[in-house]
């Protein structure tokens, strides 16, 4: 009986080890999927950031253009006031 009991204990330990390994393998698969999802999200955010940076650059250029036009108009107004 002692050998049978020892064998059953060893089988239980082996089953525990097998379950742990299966759990680790399963978690590794889950984490790989999560990594792929996060990498895709990062790519999307980087593309969004690039687009927003382009828009910001265009808006800065437009602001500078408007500022130059306003300065030009103010100069014209100053010239009119001096001509009086």
PDB file of N, CA and C in Angstrom:
ATOM      1  N   UNK A   1       0.802  -1.201   0.000  1.00  0.00           N
ATOM      2  CA  UNK A   1       0.000   0.000   0.000  1.00  0.00           C
ATOM      3  C   UNK A   1       0.847   1.269   0.000  1.00  0.00           C
ATOM      4  N   UNK A   2       1.989   1.235   0.675  1.00  0.00           N
ATOM      5  CA  UNK A   2       2.836   2.403   0.768  1.00  0.00           C
ATOM      6  C   UNK A   2       3.307   2.889  -0.598  1.00  0.00           C
ATOM      7  N   UNK A   3       3.634   1.939  -1.455  1.00  0.00           N
ATOM      8  CA  UNK A   3       4.091   2.299  -2.806  1.00  0.00           C
ATOM      9  C   UNK A   3       2.959   2.915  -3.605  1.00  0.00           C
ATOM     10  N   UNK A   4       1.754   2.362  -3.442  1.00  0.00           N
ATOM     11  CA  UNK A   4       0.596   2.910  -4.170  1.00  0.00           C
ATOM     12  C   UNK A   4       0.314   4.339  -3.743  1.00  0.00           C
ATOM     13  N   UNK A   5       0.392   4.578  -2.427  1.00  0.00           N
ATOM     14  CA  UNK A   5       0.132   5.920  -1.898  1.00  0.00           C
ATOM     15  C   UNK A   5       1.186   6.900  -2.418  1.00  0.00           C
ATOM     16  N   UNK A   6       2.439   6.460  -2.387  1.00  0.00           N
ATOM     17  CA  UNK A   6       3.538   7.300  -2.884  1.00  0.00           C
ATOM     18  C   UNK A   6       3.352   7.593  -4.368  1.00  0.00           C
ATOM     19  N   UNK A   7       2.940   6.596  -5.124  1.00  0.00           N
ATOM     20  CA  UNK A   7       2.700   6.768  -6.560  1.00  0.00           C
ATOM     21  C   UNK A   7       1.568   7.769  -6.807  1.00  0.00           C
ATOM     22  N   UNK A   8       0.503   7.674  -6.014  1.00  0.00           N
ATOM     23  CA  UNK A   8      -0.635   8.609  -6.152  1.00  0.00           C
ATOM     24  C   UNK A   8      -0.193  10.031  -5.829  1.00  0.00           C
ATOM     25  N   UNK A   9       0.614  10.207  -4.790  1.00  0.00           N
ATOM     26  CA  UNK A   9       1.131  11.532  -4.416  1.00  0.00           C
ATOM     27  C   UNK A   9       1.990  12.077  -5.552  1.00  0.00           C
ATOM     28  N   UNK A  10       2.833  11.245  -6.124  1.00  0.00           N
ATOM     29  CA  UNK A  10       3.686  11.677  -7.230  1.00  0.00           C
ATOM     30  C   UNK A  10       2.845  12.049  -8.451  1.00  0.00           C
ATOM     31  N   UNK A  11       1.795  11.275  -8.700  1.00  0.00           N
ATOM     32  CA  UNK A  11       0.903  11.607  -9.815  1.00  0.00           C
ATOM     33  C   UNK A  11       0.197  12.940  -9.580  1.00  0.00           C
ATOM     34  N   UNK A  12      -0.209  13.189  -8.342  1.00  0.00           N
ATOM     35  CA  UNK A  12      -0.853  14.463  -8.007  1.00  0.00           C
ATOM     36  C   UNK A  12       0.116  15.620  -8.205  1.00  0.00           C
ATOM     37  N   UNK A  13       1.362  15.441  -7.772  1.00  0.00           N
ATOM     38  CA  UNK A  13       2.374  16.487  -7.955  1.00  0.00           C
ATOM     39  C   UNK A  13       2.632  16.720  -9.441  1.00  0.00           C
ATOM     40  N   UNK A  14       2.692  15.618 -10.194  1.00  0.00           N
ATOM     41  CA  UNK A  14       2.888  15.735 -11.632  1.00  0.00           C
ATOM     42  C   UNK A  14       1.711  16.470 -12.275  1.00  0.00           C
ATOM     43  N   UNK A  15       0.494  16.149 -11.834  1.00  0.00           N
ATOM     44  CA  UNK A  15      -0.710  16.812 -12.360  1.00  0.00           C
ATOM     45  C   UNK A  15      -0.677  18.310 -12.025  1.00  0.00           C
ATOM     46  N   UNK A  16      -0.247  18.655 -10.809  1.00  0.00           N
ATOM     47  CA  UNK A  16      -0.111  20.063 -10.409  1.00  0.00           C
ATOM     48  C   UNK A  16       0.871  20.780 -11.326  1.00  0.00           C
ATOM     49  N   UNK A  17       2.013  20.141 -11.555  1.00  0.00           N
ATOM     50  CA  UNK A  17       3.034  20.723 -12.428  1.00  0.00           C
ATOM     51  C   UNK A  17       2.499  20.895 -13.840  1.00  0.00           C
ATOM     52  N   UNK A  18       1.795  19.876 -14.317  1.00  0.00           N
ATOM     53  CA  UNK A  18       1.208  19.939 -15.654  1.00  0.00           C
ATOM     54  C   UNK A  18       0.199  21.088 -15.752  1.00  0.00           C
ATOM     55  N   UNK A  19      -0.626  21.257 -14.735  1.00  0.00           N
ATOM     56  CA  UNK A  19      -1.606  22.345 -14.723  1.00  0.00           C
ATOM     57  C   UNK A  19      -0.923  23.712 -14.699  1.00  0.00           C
ATOM     58  N   UNK A  20       0.142  23.821 -13.916  1.00  0.00           N
ATOM     59  CA  UNK A  20       0.879  25.087 -13.858  1.00  0.00           C
ATOM     60  C   UNK A  20       1.490  25.422 -15.213  1.00  0.00           C
ATOM     61  N   UNK A  21       2.079  24.417 -15.850  1.00  0.00           N
ATOM     62  CA  UNK A  21       2.689  24.638 -17.169  1.00  0.00           C
ATOM     63  C   UNK A  21       1.621  25.044 -18.178  1.00  0.00           C
ATOM     64  N   UNK A  22       0.480  24.369 -18.156  1.00  0.00           N
ATOM     65  CA  UNK A  22      -0.616  24.737 -19.059  1.00  0.00           C
ATOM     66  C   UNK A  22      -1.083  26.160 -18.800  1.00  0.00           C
ATOM     67  N   UNK A  23      -1.148  26.525 -17.522  1.00  0.00           N
ATOM     68  CA  UNK A  23      -1.538  27.893 -17.166  1.00  0.00           C
ATOM     69  C   UNK A  23      -0.558  28.921 -17.696  1.00  0.00           C
ATOM     70  N   UNK A  24       0.729  28.616 -17.557  1.00  0.00           N
ATOM     71  CA  UNK A  24       1.771  29.530 -18.043  1.00  0.00           C
ATOM     72  C   UNK A  24       1.695  29.671 -19.555  1.00  0.00           C
ATOM     73  N   UNK A  25       1.536  28.544 -20.244  1.00  0.00           N
ATOM     74  CA  UNK A  25       1.441  28.571 -21.709  1.00  0.00           C
ATOM     75  C   UNK A  25       0.205  29.367 -22.145  1.00  0.00           C
ATOM     76  N   UNK A  26      -0.899  29.155 -21.440  1.00  0.00           N
ATOM     77  CA  UNK A  26      -2.131  29.874 -21.760  1.00  0.00           C
ATOM     78  C   UNK A  26      -1.952  31.379 -21.538  1.00  0.00           C
ATOM     79  N   UNK A  27      -1.316  31.733 -20.416  1.00  0.00           N
ATOM     80  CA  UNK A  27      -1.090  33.144 -20.116  1.00  0.00           C
ATOM     81  C   UNK A  27      -0.140  33.776 -21.131  1.00  0.00           C
ATOM     82  N   UNK A  28       0.856  33.010 -21.555  1.00  0.00           N
ATOM     83  CA  UNK A  28       1.791  33.518 -22.569  1.00  0.00           C
ATOM     84  C   UNK A  28       1.032  33.845 -23.857  1.00  0.00           C
ATOM     85  N   UNK A  29       0.119  32.959 -24.266  1.00  0.00           N
ATOM     86  CA  UNK A  29      -0.686  33.217 -25.460  1.00  0.00           C
ATOM     87  C   UNK A  29      -1.545  34.453 -25.298  1.00  0.00           C
ATOM     88  N   UNK A  30      -2.157  34.596 -24.121  1.00  0.00           N
ATOM     89  CA  UNK A  30      -2.981  35.777 -23.846  1.00  0.00           C
ATOM     90  C   UNK A  30      -2.135  37.048 -23.896  1.00  0.00           C
ATOM     91  N   UNK A  31      -0.953  37.000 -23.276  1.00  0.00           N
ATOM     92  CA  UNK A  31      -0.084  38.175 -23.252  1.00  0.00           C
ATOM     93  C   UNK A  31       0.414  38.536 -24.647  1.00  0.00           C
ATOM     94  N   UNK A  32       0.682  37.528 -25.475  1.00  0.00           N
ATOM     95  CA  UNK A  32       1.095  37.805 -26.860  1.00  0.00           C
ATOM     96  C   UNK A  32      -0.013  38.548 -27.599  1.00  0.00           C
ATOM     97  N   UNK A  33      -1.259  38.105 -27.406  1.00  0.00           N
ATOM     98  CA  UNK A  33      -2.390  38.781 -28.049  1.00  0.00           C
ATOM     99  C   UNK A  33      -2.513  40.210 -27.542  1.00  0.00           C
ATOM    100  N   UNK A  34      -2.337  40.399 -26.232  1.00  0.00           N
ATOM    101  CA  UNK A  34      -2.410  41.740 -25.650  1.00  0.00           C
ATOM    102  C   UNK A  34      -1.315  42.637 -26.217  1.00  0.00           C
ATOM    103  N   UNK A  35      -0.132  42.083 -26.380  1.00  0.00           N
ATOM    104  CA  UNK A  35       0.978  42.856 -26.946  1.00  0.00           C
ATOM    105  C   UNK A  35       0.634  43.303 -28.367  1.00  0.00           C
ATOM    106  N   UNK A  36       0.081  42.397 -29.159  1.00  0.00           N
ATOM    107  CA  UNK A  36      -0.297  42.752 -30.530  1.00  0.00           C
ATOM    108  C   UNK A  36      -1.357  43.850 -30.533  1.00  0.00           C
ATOM    109  N   UNK A  37      -2.327  43.737 -29.635  1.00  0.00           N
ATOM    110  CA  UNK A  37      -3.383  44.755 -29.543  1.00  0.00           C
ATOM    111  C   UNK A  37      -2.778  46.100 -29.152  1.00  0.00           C
ATOM    112  N   UNK A  38      -1.892  46.083 -28.169  1.00  0.00           N
ATOM    113  CA  UNK A  38      -1.271  47.330 -27.709  1.00  0.00           C
ATOM    114  C   UNK A  38      -0.343  47.927 -28.769  1.00  0.00           C
ATOM    115  N   UNK A  39       0.366  47.079 -29.498  1.00  0.00           N
ATOM    116  CA  UNK A  39       1.230  47.584 -30.577  1.00  0.00           C
ATOM    117  C   UNK A  39       0.388  48.246 -31.660  1.00  0.00           C
ATOM    118  N   UNK A  40      -0.748  47.648 -31.983  1.00  0.00           N
ATOM    119  CA  UNK A  40      -1.642  48.231 -32.991  1.00  0.00           C
ATOM    120  C   UNK A  40      -2.198  49.568 -32.496  1.00  0.00           C
ATOM    121  N   UNK A  41      -2.581  49.613 -31.230  1.00  0.00           N
ATOM    122  CA  UNK A  41      -3.085  50.860 -30.653  1.00  0.00           C
ATOM    123  C   UNK A  41      -1.999  51.938 -30.682  1.00  0.00           C
ATOM    124  N   UNK A  42      -0.767  51.543 -30.392  1.00  0.00           N
ATOM    125  CA  UNK A  42       0.351  52.490 -30.425  1.00  0.00           C
ATOM    126  C   UNK A  42       0.570  53.026 -31.835  1.00  0.00           C
ATOM    127  N   UNK A  43       0.525  52.144 -32.828  1.00  0.00           N
ATOM    128  CA  UNK A  43       0.675  52.581 -34.225  1.00  0.00           C
ATOM    129  C   UNK A  43      -0.418  53.575 -34.593  1.00  0.00           C
ATOM    130  N   UNK A  44      -1.655  53.273 -34.171  1.00  0.00           N
ATOM    131  CA  UNK A  44      -2.768  54.176 -34.469  1.00  0.00           C
ATOM    132  C   UNK A  44      -2.567  55.532 -33.807  1.00  0.00           C
ATOM    133  N   UNK A  45      -2.119  55.529 -32.552  1.00  0.00           N
ATOM    134  CA  UNK A  45      -1.887  56.789 -31.840  1.00  0.00           C
ATOM    135  C   UNK A  45      -0.736  57.565 -32.469  1.00  0.00           C
ATOM    136  N   UNK A  46       0.297  56.857 -32.907  1.00  0.00           N
ATOM    137  CA  UNK A  46       1.416  57.538 -33.562  1.00  0.00           C
ATOM    138  C   UNK A  46       0.959  58.180 -34.869  1.00  0.00           C
ATOM    139  N   UNK A  47       0.116  57.477 -35.620  1.00  0.00           N
ATOM    140  CA  UNK A  47      -0.414  58.037 -36.868  1.00  0.00           C
ATOM    141  C   UNK A  47      -1.300  59.238 -36.563  1.00  0.00           C
ATOM    142  N   UNK A  48      -2.107  59.127 -35.521  1.00  0.00           N
ATOM    143  CA  UNK A  48      -2.969  60.243 -35.119  1.00  0.00           C
ATOM    144  C   UNK A  48      -2.129  61.442 -34.698  1.00  0.00           C
ATOM    145  N   UNK A  49      -1.075  61.180 -33.941  1.00  0.00           N
ATOM    146  CA  UNK A  49      -0.181  62.251 -33.499  1.00  0.00           C
ATOM    147  C   UNK A  49       0.496  62.924 -34.688  1.00  0.00           C
ATOM    148  N   UNK A  50       0.913  62.124 -35.648  1.00  0.00           N
ATOM    149  CA  UNK A  50       1.548  62.677 -36.851  1.00  0.00           C
ATOM    150  C   UNK A  50       0.564  63.576 -37.601  1.00  0.00           C
ATOM    151  N   UNK A  51      -0.684  63.120 -37.713  1.00  0.00           N
ATOM    152  CA  UNK A  51      -1.707  63.923 -38.371  1.00  0.00           C
ATOM    153  C   UNK A  51      -1.970  65.226 -37.625  1.00  0.00           C
ATOM    154  N   UNK A  52      -2.043  65.137 -36.303  1.00  0.00           N
ATOM    155  CA  UNK A  52      -2.274  66.342 -35.495  1.00  0.00           C
ATOM    156  C   UNK A  52      -1.096  67.308 -35.582  1.00  0.00           C
ATOM    157  N   UNK A  53       0.119  66.763 -35.635  1.00  0.00           N
ATOM    158  CA  UNK A  53       1.297  67.625 -35.789  1.00  0.00           C
ATOM    159  C   UNK A  53       1.264  68.351 -37.138  1.00  0.00           C
ATOM    160  N   UNK A  54       0.809  67.660 -38.179  1.00  0.00           N
ATOM    161  CA  UNK A  54       0.689  68.290 -39.494  1.00  0.00           C
ATOM    162  C   UNK A  54      -0.347  69.412 -39.456  1.00  0.00           C
ATOM    163  N   UNK A  55      -1.481  69.140 -38.808  1.00  0.00           N
ATOM    164  CA  UNK A  55      -2.523  70.166 -38.683  1.00  0.00           C
ATOM    165  C   UNK A  55      -2.007  71.364 -37.884  1.00  0.00           C
ATOM    166  N   UNK A  56      -1.277  71.080 -36.812  1.00  0.00           N
ATOM    167  CA  UNK A  56      -0.724  72.154 -35.994  1.00  0.00           C
ATOM    168  C   UNK A  56       0.246  73.011 -36.795  1.00  0.00           C
ATOM    169  N   UNK A  57       1.076  72.364 -37.602  1.00  0.00           N
ATOM    170  CA  UNK A  57       2.026  73.098 -38.445  1.00  0.00           C
ATOM    171  C   UNK A  57       1.266  73.979 -39.438  1.00  0.00           C
ATOM    172  N   UNK A  58       0.209  73.429 -40.041  1.00  0.00           N
ATOM    173  CA  UNK A  58      -0.597  74.205 -40.992  1.00  0.00           C
ATOM    174  C   UNK A  58      -1.266  75.382 -40.297  1.00  0.00           C
ATOM    175  N   UNK A  59      -1.773  75.161 -39.093  1.00  0.00           N
ATOM    176  CA  UNK A  59      -2.415  76.249 -38.349  1.00  0.00           C
ATOM    177  C   UNK A  59      -1.409  77.326 -37.951  1.00  0.00           C
ATOM    178  N   UNK A  60      -0.197  76.916 -37.586  1.00  0.00           N
ATOM    179  CA  UNK A  60       0.856  77.896 -37.271  1.00  0.00           C
ATOM    180  C   UNK A  60       1.200  78.740 -38.491  1.00  0.00           C
ATOM    181  N   UNK A  61       1.292  78.075 -39.644  1.00  0.00           N
ATOM    182  CA  UNK A  61       1.583  78.807 -40.877  1.00  0.00           C
ATOM    183  C   UNK A  61       0.455  79.770 -41.209  1.00  0.00           C
ATOM    184  N   UNK A  62      -0.781  79.313 -41.018  1.00  0.00           N
ATOM    185  CA  UNK A  62      -1.939  80.176 -41.288  1.00  0.00           C
ATOM    186  C   UNK A  62      -1.950  81.360 -40.321  1.00  0.00           C
ATOM    187  N   UNK A  63      -1.660  81.100 -39.047  1.00  0.00           N
ATOM    188  CA  UNK A  63      -1.614  82.182 -38.057  1.00  0.00           C
ATOM    189  C   UNK A  63      -0.548  83.217 -38.435  1.00  0.00           C
ATOM    190  N   UNK A  64       0.624  82.733 -38.847  1.00  0.00           N
ATOM    191  CA  UNK A  64       1.698  83.646 -39.246  1.00  0.00           C
ATOM    192  C   UNK A  64       1.295  84.463 -40.470  1.00  0.00           C
ATOM    193  N   UNK A  65       0.592  83.827 -41.388  1.00  0.00           N
ATOM    194  CA  UNK A  65       0.119  84.528 -42.581  1.00  0.00           C
ATOM    195  C   UNK A  65      -0.889  85.618 -42.196  1.00  0.00           C
ATOM    196  N   UNK A  66      -1.826  85.261 -41.320  1.00  0.00           N
ATOM    197  CA  UNK A  66      -2.832  86.234 -40.869  1.00  0.00           C
ATOM    198  C   UNK A  66      -2.150  87.369 -40.123  1.00  0.00           C
ATOM    199  N   UNK A  67      -1.183  87.037 -39.279  1.00  0.00           N
ATOM    200  CA  UNK A  67      -0.467  88.064 -38.521  1.00  0.00           C
ATOM    201  C   UNK A  67       0.241  89.031 -39.480  1.00  0.00           C
ATOM    202  N   UNK A  68       0.859  88.498 -40.529  1.00  0.00           N
ATOM    203  CA  UNK A  68       1.549  89.349 -41.502  1.00  0.00           C
ATOM    204  C   UNK A  68       0.550  90.261 -42.218  1.00  0.00           C
ATOM    205  N   UNK A  69      -0.620  89.710 -42.568  1.00  0.00           N
ATOM    206  CA  UNK A  69      -1.634  90.517 -43.249  1.00  0.00           C
ATOM    207  C   UNK A  69      -2.172  91.612 -42.327  1.00  0.00           C
ATOM    208  N   UNK A  70      -2.384  91.262 -41.047  1.00  0.00           N
ATOM    209  CA  UNK A  70      -2.866  92.267 -40.080  1.00  0.00           C
ATOM    210  C   UNK A  70      -1.805  93.352 -39.899  1.00  0.00           C
ATOM    211  N   UNK A  71      -0.559  92.958 -39.787  1.00  0.00           N
ATOM    212  CA  UNK A  71       0.514  93.953 -39.659  1.00  0.00           C
ATOM    213  C   UNK A  71       0.551  94.864 -40.880  1.00  0.00           C
ATOM    214  N   UNK A  72       0.355  94.284 -42.051  1.00  0.00           N
ATOM    215  CA  UNK A  72       0.340  95.074 -43.282  1.00  0.00           C
ATOM    216  C   UNK A  72      -0.821  96.071 -43.268  1.00  0.00           C
ATOM    217  N   UNK A  73      -1.997  95.600 -42.835  1.00  0.00           N
ATOM    218  CA  UNK A  73      -3.159  96.494 -42.762  1.00  0.00           C
ATOM    219  C   UNK A  73      -2.940  97.594 -41.728  1.00  0.00           C
ATOM    220  N   UNK A  74      -2.326  97.256 -40.613  1.00  0.00           N
ATOM    221  CA  UNK A  74      -2.043  98.270 -39.591  1.00  0.00           C
ATOM    222  C   UNK A  74      -1.054  99.305 -40.122  1.00  0.00           C
ATOM    223  N   UNK A  75      -0.085  98.858 -40.896  1.00  0.00           N
ATOM    224  CA  UNK A  75       0.860  99.796 -41.509  1.00  0.00           C
ATOM    225  C   UNK A  75       0.135 100.739 -42.470  1.00  0.00           C
ATOM    226  N   UNK A  76      -0.807 100.169 -43.252  1.00  0.00           N
ATOM    227  CA  UNK A  76      -1.591 101.005 -44.168  1.00  0.00           C
ATOM    228  C   UNK A  76      -2.393 102.037 -43.399  1.00  0.00           C
ATOM    229  N   UNK A  77      -3.006 101.611 -42.292  1.00  0.00           N
ATOM    230  CA  UNK A  77      -3.779 102.548 -41.466  1.00  0.00           C
ATOM    231  C   UNK A  77      -2.863 103.645 -40.883  1.00  0.00           C
ATOM    232  N   UNK A  78      -1.689 103.246 -40.472  1.00  0.00           N
ATOM    233  CA  UNK A  78      -0.736 104.228 -39.926  1.00  0.00           C
ATOM    234  C   UNK A  78      -0.352 105.224 -41.005  1.00  0.00           C
ATOM    235  N   UNK A  79      -0.129 104.730 -42.237  1.00  0.00           N
ATOM    236  CA  UNK A  79       0.212 105.617 -43.356  1.00  0.00           C
ATOM    237  C   UNK A  79      -0.929 106.594 -43.630  1.00  0.00           C
ATOM    238  N   UNK A  80      -2.181 106.092 -43.551  1.00  0.00           N
ATOM    239  CA  UNK A  80      -3.343 106.985 -43.783  1.00  0.00           C
ATOM    240  C   UNK A  80      -3.389 108.054 -42.715  1.00  0.00           C
ATOM    241  N   UNK A  81      -3.160 107.681 -41.482  1.00  0.00           N
ATOM    242  CA  UNK A  81      -3.187 108.656 -40.378  1.00  0.00           C
ATOM    243  C   UNK A  81      -2.060 109.676 -40.533  1.00  0.00           C
ATOM    244  N   UNK A  82      -0.918 109.268 -41.023  1.00  0.00           N
ATOM    245  CA  UNK A  82       0.199 110.202 -41.219  1.00  0.00           C
ATOM    246  C   UNK A  82      -0.083 111.151 -42.379  1.00  0.00           C
ATOM    247  N   UNK A  83      -0.813 110.674 -43.361  1.00  0.00           N
ATOM    248  CA  UNK A  83      -1.095 111.494 -44.530  1.00  0.00           C
ATOM    249  C   UNK A  83      -2.082 112.606 -44.188  1.00  0.00           C
ATOM    250  N   UNK A  84      -2.823 112.467 -43.135  1.00  0.00           N
ATOM    251  CA  UNK A  84      -3.810 113.495 -42.753  1.00  0.00           C
ATOM    252  C   UNK A  84      -3.109 114.651 -42.223  1.00  0.00           C
TER     253      UNK A  84
END
